[in-house]
Amino acid sequence: MTKMVFWNCPITTHNRGVKKQKQNQNTTERLTVLGQFCKLIPKYCLANVCAELNKEGIKIAARAFSVWSHIVSMIYCHMAHCISLNDICDGLQNFKGNLNNIRNATAPHRNTLSHANRTRDIALIKNLFWKTVEYYQQTHPNFFTQGGRSYFRLPRRFKRAIRAIDSTTIELIAKCMDWAKHRKHKAAAKVHVALDLISFIPIRVVTDSANHHDGSYMSELCGNMKPGDIAVMDRAYVDYVQLNTLTEKGVFWVTRSKSNMKVKVIRSRVNDSRNEARKDKKAHYPIILSDDEVELTGKVSYARYPKRFRHVVAKVLDSNGVEITVSFLSNNMEWAASSICDLYRCRWGIETFFKEIKQTLQIRTFVGFSRNAIEWQIWSALLTYLLMRIMAFLSNWKRDFKHFFTLMKGALWAKRSVNLIVSRYGTAEETPPPEEAQLTPDLPGINWAMLI
């Protein structure tokens, strides 16, 4: 009689291990990377925005295309660098199943998406952006105070809120966009931003055509500033009425003087001549040339701003390392003259923000011609930027924004946790190339080396 031998196979142990792996599996891995970014938008925020707009009688319906599907489509447009409506629709049509897992979002048709961008009110995406900012200010306050990516040139001795105010011009096609014409053969839109340099998140945003002067938007950009805050702006925003309003509110401002400004010196402060007395050849910039308390002399200008302010003239280095002489203005009488120069230098941080919006997210390529479609793409880019920054903060990303965006773009439809993707960034090791295999057939009588 033959004995039956049973092999001791660890089947039970293997099954238990599989169960443990399924139990320990992160739930976010069931969603794609795009879905994980979209889920950062709270459900109730979008519901509250739609309810408020419906009460005001604002139309938000666009055929059978839902609001959530529209927002997801525009986020995908920026994260995938889509350059046309066909790119957006075809890319989403190829992943209908994964797209449906993102709160039942659906892939649009070309005409449907074009109609939604043209007719759906821009207040929807605007209010959703500010609601999302408000939500994360309450739930993750460290992101806006300590965890945000502050500008590296920001003077650390200032413990106040510092806002950089500037605008960027987006060139458009004059033949197709008559609403944006500001010259005979040129059309452009402008995005005016008040950027918090500590969190690097916009606090106020105004989008309009390039027909109007920058100073006319000063009241909108500085409307919610509190006493003690610091506003750093370009001289294009110098409006004496608005500067006087900021001074009365207790807000400090720093800007540059215009070439046609006429002032009289009331008191000359002590100049910091330590830089000029240095014996070494390398000068320590900024080099303060004069520091005066002045008043405006023109009748109209003095009536608009009758108070004293600081007028500092200093030598600084431009972006090319060339020494130039610049005159600065400020309403603070206690700061050192070098602090005023350093504050204005940190205004360059808003140019870095514009570069990330226009080049990294490629906001220069538009998928519509109407004003509503252009604004939808601009505000959806700001919303995508906010989600990218929040995800980078939650995943403990330590590198710059461009590398994080490139990493997420390459894994957009991957069902992996963003934390796992970030943890594996930069861990790829160089493997030696494999030995050359014999690719030529072994046929007698033929010298393959001579033929190759």
Protein backbone atom coordinates (compact mmCIF):
# COMPACT_ATOMS: atom_id res chain seq x y z
CA MET A 1 0.00 0.00 0.00
CA THR A 2 1.45 3.33 -1.02
CA LYS A 3 1.77 6.00 1.67
CA MET A 4 0.25 9.38 0.93
CA VAL A 5 2.51 12.27 1.77
CA PHE A 6 1.02 15.70 2.45
CA TRP A 7 3.29 18.67 1.90
CA ASN A 8 3.17 21.28 4.61
CA CYS A 9 2.30 24.30 2.46
CA PRO A 10 1.78 27.61 4.31
CA ILE A 11 -1.52 28.33 2.58
CA THR A 12 -3.23 29.66 5.67
CA THR A 13 -0.37 32.00 6.51
CA HIS A 14 -0.30 33.37 2.97
CA ASN A 15 -4.01 34.09 3.00
CA ARG A 16 -3.74 35.85 6.33
CA GLY A 17 -0.97 38.02 4.95
CA VAL A 18 -3.10 38.97 1.98
CA LYS A 19 -5.98 39.89 4.27
CA LYS A 20 -3.71 42.03 6.41
CA GLN A 21 -2.39 43.82 3.36
CA LYS A 22 -5.94 44.55 2.20
CA GLN A 23 -6.88 45.80 5.64
CA ASN A 24 -3.82 48.03 5.90
CA GLN A 25 -4.24 49.34 2.37
CA ASN A 26 -4.83 53.07 2.33
CA THR A 27 -8.30 53.97 1.13
CA THR A 28 -6.97 56.80 -1.04
CA GLU A 29 -5.25 54.20 -3.22
CA ARG A 30 -8.65 53.25 -4.62
CA LEU A 31 -8.72 56.68 -6.25
CA THR A 32 -6.43 57.99 -8.92
CA VAL A 33 -4.06 60.86 -8.22
CA LEU A 34 -6.50 63.19 -9.97
CA GLY A 35 -9.28 61.94 -7.70
CA GLN A 36 -7.22 62.54 -4.57
CA PHE A 37 -6.67 66.17 -5.60
CA CYS A 38 -10.34 66.72 -6.41
CA LYS A 39 -11.44 65.25 -3.07
CA LEU A 40 -9.55 68.04 -1.31
CA ILE A 41 -12.52 70.24 -2.23
CA PRO A 42 -15.10 69.71 0.55
CA LYS A 43 -18.52 68.60 -0.60
CA TYR A 44 -20.43 71.10 1.48
CA CYS A 45 -18.42 74.03 0.04
CA LEU A 46 -19.70 73.38 -3.47
CA ALA A 47 -23.22 72.72 -2.19
CA ASN A 48 -23.25 76.00 -0.23
CA VAL A 49 -21.97 77.96 -3.23
CA CYS A 50 -24.66 76.54 -5.51
CA ALA A 51 -27.37 77.22 -2.93
CA GLU A 52 -26.25 80.84 -2.49
CA LEU A 53 -26.19 81.45 -6.24
CA ASN A 54 -29.61 79.89 -6.70
CA LYS A 55 -31.05 82.22 -4.06
CA GLU A 56 -29.63 85.19 -5.94
CA GLY A 57 -31.19 83.94 -9.17
CA ILE A 58 -27.84 83.33 -10.91
CA LYS A 59 -27.99 80.64 -13.56
CA ILE A 60 -25.47 77.84 -12.96
CA ALA A 61 -27.05 75.07 -15.06
CA ALA A 62 -25.46 74.21 -18.40
CA ARG A 63 -27.44 71.52 -20.24
CA ALA A 64 -27.03 68.14 -18.48
CA PHE A 65 -23.40 68.86 -17.54
CA SER A 66 -23.13 68.94 -13.75
CA VAL A 67 -21.20 71.61 -11.87
CA TRP A 68 -18.86 69.06 -10.27
CA SER A 69 -18.02 67.45 -13.62
CA HIS A 70 -17.24 70.90 -15.01
CA ILE A 71 -14.84 71.68 -12.16
CA VAL A 72 -13.10 68.29 -12.43
CA SER A 73 -12.70 68.77 -16.19
CA MET A 74 -11.01 72.16 -15.73
CA ILE A 75 -8.70 70.82 -13.01
CA TYR A 76 -7.71 68.02 -15.38
CA CYS A 77 -7.11 70.62 -18.10
CA HIS A 78 -4.39 72.29 -16.01
CA MET A 79 -2.86 69.17 -14.47
CA ALA A 80 -2.57 67.40 -17.85
CA HIS A 81 -1.47 70.50 -19.81
CA CYS A 82 -4.36 70.22 -22.26
CA ILE A 83 -4.19 72.71 -25.11
CA SER A 84 -7.69 72.31 -26.59
CA LEU A 85 -11.20 71.15 -25.80
CA ASN A 86 -10.58 67.92 -27.68
CA ASP A 87 -7.61 67.14 -25.43
CA ILE A 88 -9.75 67.54 -22.33
CA CYS A 89 -12.72 65.53 -23.60
CA ASP A 90 -10.71 62.72 -25.22
CA GLY A 91 -8.47 62.35 -22.16
CA LEU A 92 -11.46 62.04 -19.84
CA GLN A 93 -13.40 59.75 -22.20
CA ASN A 94 -10.53 57.24 -22.08
CA PHE A 95 -10.85 56.92 -18.29
CA LYS A 96 -14.60 57.01 -17.73
CA GLY A 97 -14.51 54.40 -14.96
CA ASN A 98 -11.83 56.16 -12.95
CA LEU A 99 -13.53 59.50 -13.54
CA ASN A 100 -16.86 58.18 -12.27
CA ASN A 101 -15.20 57.26 -8.96
CA ILE A 102 -14.51 60.97 -8.36
CA ARG A 103 -17.94 61.70 -6.85
CA ASN A 104 -19.76 60.46 -9.99
CA ALA A 105 -18.08 62.91 -12.37
CA THR A 106 -18.78 62.39 -16.07
CA ALA A 107 -16.71 63.04 -19.17
CA PRO A 108 -18.06 65.92 -21.28
CA HIS A 109 -18.43 66.27 -25.00
CA ARG A 110 -16.62 69.07 -26.79
CA ASN A 111 -19.67 71.25 -27.44
CA THR A 112 -20.99 70.66 -23.92
CA LEU A 113 -17.76 71.82 -22.27
CA SER A 114 -17.52 74.81 -24.58
CA HIS A 115 -21.11 75.79 -23.77
CA ALA A 116 -20.47 75.47 -20.03
CA ASN A 117 -17.36 77.67 -20.16
CA ARG A 118 -19.25 80.28 -22.14
CA THR A 119 -22.53 80.41 -20.18
CA ARG A 120 -21.98 79.17 -16.61
CA ASP A 121 -21.57 82.13 -14.26
CA ILE A 122 -18.01 82.89 -13.18
CA ALA A 123 -19.20 83.56 -9.61
CA LEU A 124 -19.43 79.79 -9.13
CA ILE A 125 -15.71 79.06 -9.44
CA LYS A 126 -14.79 82.32 -7.68
CA ASN A 127 -16.85 81.58 -4.59
CA LEU A 128 -15.68 77.96 -4.55
CA PHE A 129 -12.06 79.09 -4.51
CA TRP A 130 -12.59 81.44 -1.55
CA LYS A 131 -14.72 78.85 0.29
CA THR A 132 -11.90 76.32 -0.08
CA VAL A 133 -9.35 78.83 1.20
CA GLU A 134 -11.58 79.60 4.18
CA TYR A 135 -12.05 75.89 4.91
CA TYR A 136 -8.33 75.16 5.08
CA GLN A 137 -7.68 78.30 7.11
CA GLN A 138 -9.90 76.77 9.76
CA THR A 139 -8.79 73.13 9.49
CA HIS A 140 -5.07 73.64 8.73
CA PRO A 141 -4.02 77.01 10.16
CA ASN A 142 -0.36 75.95 10.18
CA PHE A 143 -0.37 75.91 6.40
CA PHE A 144 -1.07 79.66 6.35
CA THR A 145 1.26 80.59 9.21
CA GLN A 146 4.17 78.16 9.40
CA GLY A 147 3.75 75.31 6.94
CA GLY A 148 3.25 77.44 3.86
CA ARG A 149 6.03 78.04 1.39
CA SER A 150 7.06 81.57 2.31
CA TYR A 151 9.29 83.54 0.00
CA PHE A 152 12.93 82.89 0.78
CA ARG A 153 13.86 86.59 0.62
CA LEU A 154 11.19 87.58 3.11
CA PRO A 155 12.72 89.58 6.01
CA ARG A 156 12.31 87.34 9.05
CA ARG A 157 12.41 90.23 11.53
CA PHE A 158 8.88 91.26 10.51
CA LYS A 159 6.19 89.30 12.36
CA ARG A 160 3.31 90.98 10.55
CA ALA A 161 1.28 89.94 7.53
CA ILE A 162 3.05 91.09 4.36
CA ARG A 163 1.16 91.34 1.09
CA ALA A 164 2.68 91.90 -2.32
CA ILE A 165 0.38 93.67 -4.79
CA ASP A 166 1.02 93.45 -8.52
CA SER A 167 -0.54 92.37 -11.81
CA THR A 168 0.41 90.15 -14.71
CA THR A 169 -0.60 90.61 -18.34
CA ILE A 170 -1.86 87.65 -20.37
CA GLU A 171 -1.69 88.21 -24.11
CA LEU A 172 -4.77 87.25 -26.11
CA ILE A 173 -5.79 87.22 -29.77
CA ALA A 174 -7.16 90.59 -30.86
CA LYS A 175 -9.11 89.23 -33.85
CA CYS A 176 -11.12 86.77 -31.75
CA MET A 177 -11.42 88.66 -28.45
CA ASP A 178 -12.76 92.15 -29.01
CA TRP A 179 -13.64 92.57 -25.33
CA ALA A 180 -9.92 92.46 -24.40
CA LYS A 181 -8.61 94.99 -26.94
CA HIS A 182 -6.48 97.70 -25.35
CA ARG A 183 -4.70 98.81 -28.53
CA LYS A 184 -5.45 98.71 -32.22
CA HIS A 185 -3.88 95.32 -32.87
CA LYS A 186 -3.37 94.02 -29.33
CA ALA A 187 -5.59 92.32 -26.79
CA ALA A 188 -4.75 91.25 -23.27
CA ALA A 189 -6.25 90.38 -19.91
CA LYS A 190 -4.81 91.37 -16.54
CA VAL A 191 -4.83 89.46 -13.27
CA HIS A 192 -4.39 91.71 -10.23
CA VAL A 193 -3.30 89.81 -7.12
CA ALA A 194 -2.72 90.61 -3.46
CA LEU A 195 -0.40 87.76 -2.42
CA ASP A 196 0.34 86.76 1.16
CA LEU A 197 4.12 86.28 1.16
CA ILE A 198 4.03 84.07 4.28
CA SER A 199 1.68 81.40 2.90
CA PHE A 200 2.16 82.27 -0.80
CA ILE A 201 -1.62 82.07 -1.30
CA PRO A 202 -3.62 84.89 -2.99
CA ILE A 203 -5.80 86.91 -0.61
CA ARG A 204 -7.49 89.09 -3.24
CA VAL A 205 -7.74 88.50 -7.01
CA VAL A 206 -9.27 90.74 -9.67
CA THR A 207 -9.44 89.71 -13.34
CA ASP A 208 -10.21 92.26 -16.04
CA SER A 209 -9.09 93.44 -19.45
CA ALA A 210 -5.92 95.49 -19.81
CA ASN A 211 -7.80 98.71 -20.63
CA HIS A 212 -7.81 100.14 -17.11
CA HIS A 213 -4.98 101.52 -15.01
CA ASP A 214 -3.64 99.40 -12.17
CA GLY A 215 -4.29 102.07 -9.56
CA SER A 216 -8.06 101.80 -10.05
CA TYR A 217 -8.01 98.33 -8.42
CA MET A 218 -6.21 99.46 -5.28
CA SER A 219 -9.35 99.61 -3.13
CA GLU A 220 -10.39 96.05 -4.08
CA LEU A 221 -6.95 94.56 -3.42
CA CYS A 222 -6.46 96.24 -0.03
CA GLY A 223 -10.05 96.26 1.19
CA ASN A 224 -9.70 93.56 3.87
CA MET A 225 -6.31 94.58 5.29
CA LYS A 226 -6.09 94.96 9.07
CA PRO A 227 -4.17 97.52 11.16
CA GLY A 228 -0.52 96.55 11.35
CA ASP A 229 -0.44 94.71 8.01
CA ILE A 230 2.17 95.65 5.41
CA ALA A 231 1.36 96.27 1.75
CA VAL A 232 4.26 96.21 -0.75
CA MET A 233 3.28 97.39 -4.21
CA ASP A 234 4.66 98.59 -7.49
CA ARG A 235 4.51 102.29 -8.31
CA ALA A 236 1.74 101.64 -10.84
CA TYR A 237 -0.59 101.25 -7.83
CA VAL A 238 0.34 104.62 -6.30
CA ASP A 239 -3.02 106.32 -5.68
CA TYR A 240 -2.80 109.06 -3.05
CA VAL A 241 -6.43 108.69 -2.02
CA GLN A 242 -6.06 104.96 -1.38
CA LEU A 243 -2.68 105.43 0.32
CA ASN A 244 -4.28 107.95 2.66
CA THR A 245 -7.06 105.46 3.41
CA LEU A 246 -4.51 102.76 4.26
CA THR A 247 -2.62 105.15 6.54
CA GLU A 248 -5.79 106.08 8.43
CA LYS A 249 -6.57 102.37 8.88
CA GLY A 250 -3.13 101.78 10.40
CA VAL A 251 -1.80 99.78 7.45
CA PHE A 252 1.86 100.28 6.51
CA TRP A 253 2.78 100.51 2.85
CA VAL A 254 6.02 100.48 0.85
CA THR A 255 6.31 101.46 -2.80
CA ARG A 256 8.49 103.31 -5.30
CA SER A 257 8.20 106.96 -6.23
CA LYS A 258 7.03 108.14 -9.61
CA SER A 259 9.26 110.27 -11.81
CA ASN A 260 6.86 113.24 -11.78
CA MET A 261 6.31 113.31 -8.00
CA LYS A 262 7.05 116.70 -6.42
CA VAL A 263 7.87 116.86 -2.70
CA LYS A 264 9.49 119.15 -0.17
CA VAL A 265 11.80 117.94 2.58
CA ILE A 266 10.44 118.56 6.09
CA ARG A 267 13.15 116.80 8.08
CA SER A 268 16.30 114.98 7.06
CA ARG A 269 17.01 111.87 9.05
CA VAL A 270 20.48 110.56 9.93
CA ASN A 271 21.97 108.70 6.98
CA ASP A 272 23.46 105.26 7.42
CA SER A 273 26.97 105.86 6.09
CA ARG A 274 28.48 102.67 7.40
CA ASN A 275 28.34 101.04 3.98
CA GLU A 276 30.30 103.86 2.36
CA ALA A 277 33.00 103.69 5.02
CA ARG A 278 33.79 100.04 4.49
CA LYS A 279 37.39 99.40 3.60
CA ASP A 280 36.82 96.23 1.64
CA LYS A 281 35.80 96.35 -1.98
CA LYS A 282 32.53 94.48 -1.55
CA ALA A 283 29.73 96.83 -0.58
CA HIS A 284 26.86 95.66 1.59
CA TYR A 285 23.62 96.47 -0.24
CA PRO A 286 21.43 98.42 0.08
CA ILE A 287 23.59 101.53 0.35
CA ILE A 288 21.45 104.33 1.81
CA LEU A 289 22.07 107.70 0.14
CA SER A 290 19.32 109.76 1.81
CA ASP A 291 16.43 109.31 4.22
CA ASP A 292 13.98 112.23 4.48
CA GLU A 293 10.50 113.00 5.77
CA VAL A 294 8.65 114.79 2.97
CA GLU A 295 5.26 116.20 1.98
CA LEU A 296 3.62 116.59 -1.40
CA THR A 297 3.72 120.09 -2.90
CA GLY A 298 1.02 119.92 -5.57
CA LYS A 299 -2.39 121.28 -4.59
CA VAL A 300 -4.34 118.29 -5.86
CA SER A 301 -1.88 115.69 -4.61
CA TYR A 302 -1.57 117.36 -1.19
CA ALA A 303 -5.34 117.44 -0.81
CA ARG A 304 -5.42 113.71 -1.48
CA TYR A 305 -2.52 112.88 0.85
CA PRO A 306 -1.74 115.70 3.37
CA LYS A 307 0.41 113.59 5.70
CA ARG A 308 4.17 113.16 5.91
CA PHE A 309 5.89 110.06 4.58
CA ARG A 310 9.38 108.64 4.17
CA HIS A 311 11.46 109.15 1.03
CA VAL A 312 14.50 106.84 0.95
CA VAL A 313 17.08 106.86 -1.84
CA ALA A 314 19.42 103.86 -1.96
CA LYS A 315 21.76 101.96 -4.23
CA VAL A 316 20.65 98.38 -4.86
CA LEU A 317 21.46 95.55 -7.24
CA ASP A 318 19.01 94.61 -9.98
CA SER A 319 18.33 91.07 -11.20
CA ASN A 320 21.42 91.20 -13.42
CA GLY A 321 23.72 92.29 -10.58
CA VAL A 322 24.04 95.87 -11.86
CA GLU A 323 24.05 98.67 -9.32
CA ILE A 324 21.14 101.08 -9.70
CA THR A 325 19.73 103.99 -7.65
CA VAL A 326 16.12 103.62 -6.54
CA SER A 327 13.87 105.87 -4.42
CA PHE A 328 11.36 104.26 -2.06
CA LEU A 329 8.30 105.60 -0.24
CA SER A 330 6.74 104.47 3.04
CA ASN A 331 4.41 105.78 5.72
CA ASN A 332 6.28 104.11 8.58
CA MET A 333 8.49 106.51 10.54
CA GLU A 334 10.16 103.96 12.81
CA TRP A 335 11.68 101.39 10.47
CA ALA A 336 15.30 101.59 9.43
CA ALA A 337 15.90 102.73 5.87
CA SER A 338 17.47 99.36 5.03
CA SER A 339 14.29 97.59 6.24
CA ILE A 340 12.21 99.58 3.76
CA CYS A 341 14.55 98.50 0.97
CA ASP A 342 14.41 94.86 2.07
CA LEU A 343 10.61 94.92 2.19
CA TYR A 344 10.36 96.18 -1.36
CA ARG A 345 12.86 93.60 -2.54
CA CYS A 346 10.66 90.78 -1.23
CA ARG A 347 7.92 92.01 -3.59
CA TRP A 348 9.69 89.96 -6.25
CA GLY A 349 8.05 86.89 -4.71
CA ILE A 350 4.82 87.67 -6.54
CA GLU A 351 6.69 87.36 -9.83
CA THR A 352 7.59 83.81 -8.82
CA PHE A 353 3.90 83.16 -8.18
CA PHE A 354 2.96 84.51 -11.63
CA LYS A 355 5.61 82.28 -13.20
CA GLU A 356 4.14 79.19 -11.56
CA ILE A 357 0.63 80.09 -12.68
CA LYS A 358 1.46 81.06 -16.26
CA GLN A 359 4.29 78.65 -17.10
CA THR A 360 3.94 75.62 -14.81
CA LEU A 361 0.15 75.44 -15.16
CA GLN A 362 0.35 76.89 -18.71
CA ILE A 363 -2.39 79.44 -18.28
CA ARG A 364 -1.20 81.11 -21.47
CA THR A 365 -2.98 78.48 -23.62
CA PHE A 366 -6.76 79.00 -23.59
CA VAL A 367 -9.56 76.71 -24.72
CA GLY A 368 -12.14 79.46 -25.32
CA PHE A 369 -12.50 82.96 -26.73
CA SER A 370 -15.28 84.54 -24.68
CA ARG A 371 -14.60 86.56 -21.54
CA ASN A 372 -16.43 84.08 -19.36
CA ALA A 373 -14.37 81.17 -20.72
CA ILE A 374 -11.10 83.04 -20.12
CA GLU A 375 -12.07 83.84 -16.54
CA TRP A 376 -13.17 80.24 -15.94
CA GLN A 377 -9.75 79.01 -16.99
CA ILE A 378 -7.92 81.60 -14.87
CA TRP A 379 -9.91 80.86 -11.72
CA SER A 380 -9.71 77.09 -12.24
CA ALA A 381 -5.93 77.50 -12.51
CA LEU A 382 -5.92 79.32 -9.16
CA LEU A 383 -8.02 76.53 -7.65
CA THR A 384 -5.64 73.89 -9.06
CA TYR A 385 -2.69 75.82 -7.64
CA LEU A 386 -4.34 75.88 -4.21
CA LEU A 387 -5.02 72.12 -4.28
CA MET A 388 -1.45 71.42 -5.38
CA ARG A 389 -0.04 73.51 -2.55
CA ILE A 390 -2.29 71.88 0.06
CA MET A 391 -1.44 68.39 -1.18
CA ALA A 392 2.26 69.21 -1.10
CA PHE A 393 1.87 70.39 2.49
CA LEU A 394 -0.08 67.31 3.58
CA SER A 395 2.43 64.97 1.94
CA ASN A 396 5.39 66.81 3.55
CA TRP A 397 6.92 67.86 0.23
CA LYS A 398 10.19 69.76 0.70
CA ARG A 399 11.10 70.67 -2.87
CA ASP A 400 9.79 73.37 -5.19
CA PHE A 401 6.36 73.59 -6.79
CA LYS A 402 7.54 72.78 -10.32
CA HIS A 403 9.00 69.39 -9.37
CA PHE A 404 5.86 68.45 -7.44
CA PHE A 405 3.63 69.36 -10.37
CA THR A 406 5.77 67.35 -12.82
CA LEU A 407 5.68 64.34 -10.50
CA MET A 408 1.89 64.46 -10.15
CA LYS A 409 1.37 65.04 -13.86
CA GLY A 410 3.20 61.82 -14.73
CA ALA A 411 1.03 59.75 -12.33
CA LEU A 412 -2.30 61.45 -12.95
CA TRP A 413 -4.32 58.25 -13.54
CA ALA A 414 -2.29 56.00 -11.25
CA LYS A 415 -4.16 54.44 -8.33
CA ARG A 416 -1.47 55.17 -5.78
CA SER A 417 -1.39 57.29 -2.72
CA VAL A 418 0.24 60.67 -3.23
CA ASN A 419 2.16 60.14 0.01
CA LEU A 420 3.63 56.93 -1.43
CA ILE A 421 4.61 58.65 -4.67
CA VAL A 422 6.25 61.50 -2.79
CA SER A 423 8.13 59.16 -0.44
CA ARG A 424 9.64 57.32 -3.40
CA TYR A 425 10.73 60.50 -5.19
CA GLY A 426 14.49 60.54 -5.79
CA THR A 427 15.03 56.94 -4.58
CA ALA A 428 15.67 55.39 -8.00
CA GLU A 429 19.16 53.86 -8.08
CA GLU A 430 21.30 53.64 -11.14
CA THR A 431 21.60 50.03 -12.27
CA PRO A 432 24.51 48.90 -14.40
CA PRO A 433 23.61 48.28 -18.05
CA PRO A 434 23.04 44.60 -18.93
CA GLU A 435 25.69 42.71 -20.79
CA GLU A 436 25.38 42.81 -24.53
CA ALA A 437 23.40 39.85 -25.70
CA GLN A 438 24.13 38.01 -28.91
CA LEU A 439 21.61 39.56 -31.23
CA THR A 440 22.98 38.01 -34.42
CA PRO A 441 21.99 34.48 -35.43
CA ASP A 442 24.65 31.79 -35.30
CA LEU A 443 24.91 30.89 -38.96
CA PRO A 444 28.01 29.18 -40.25
CA GLY A 445 30.00 30.84 -43.00
CA ILE A 446 28.83 34.41 -42.33
CA ASN A 447 30.99 37.02 -40.64
CA TRP A 448 28.42 39.26 -38.96
CA ALA A 449 31.08 41.59 -37.59
CA MET A 450 32.03 42.64 -41.11
CA LEU A 451 28.40 43.33 -42.01
CA ILE A 452 27.73 45.42 -38.93
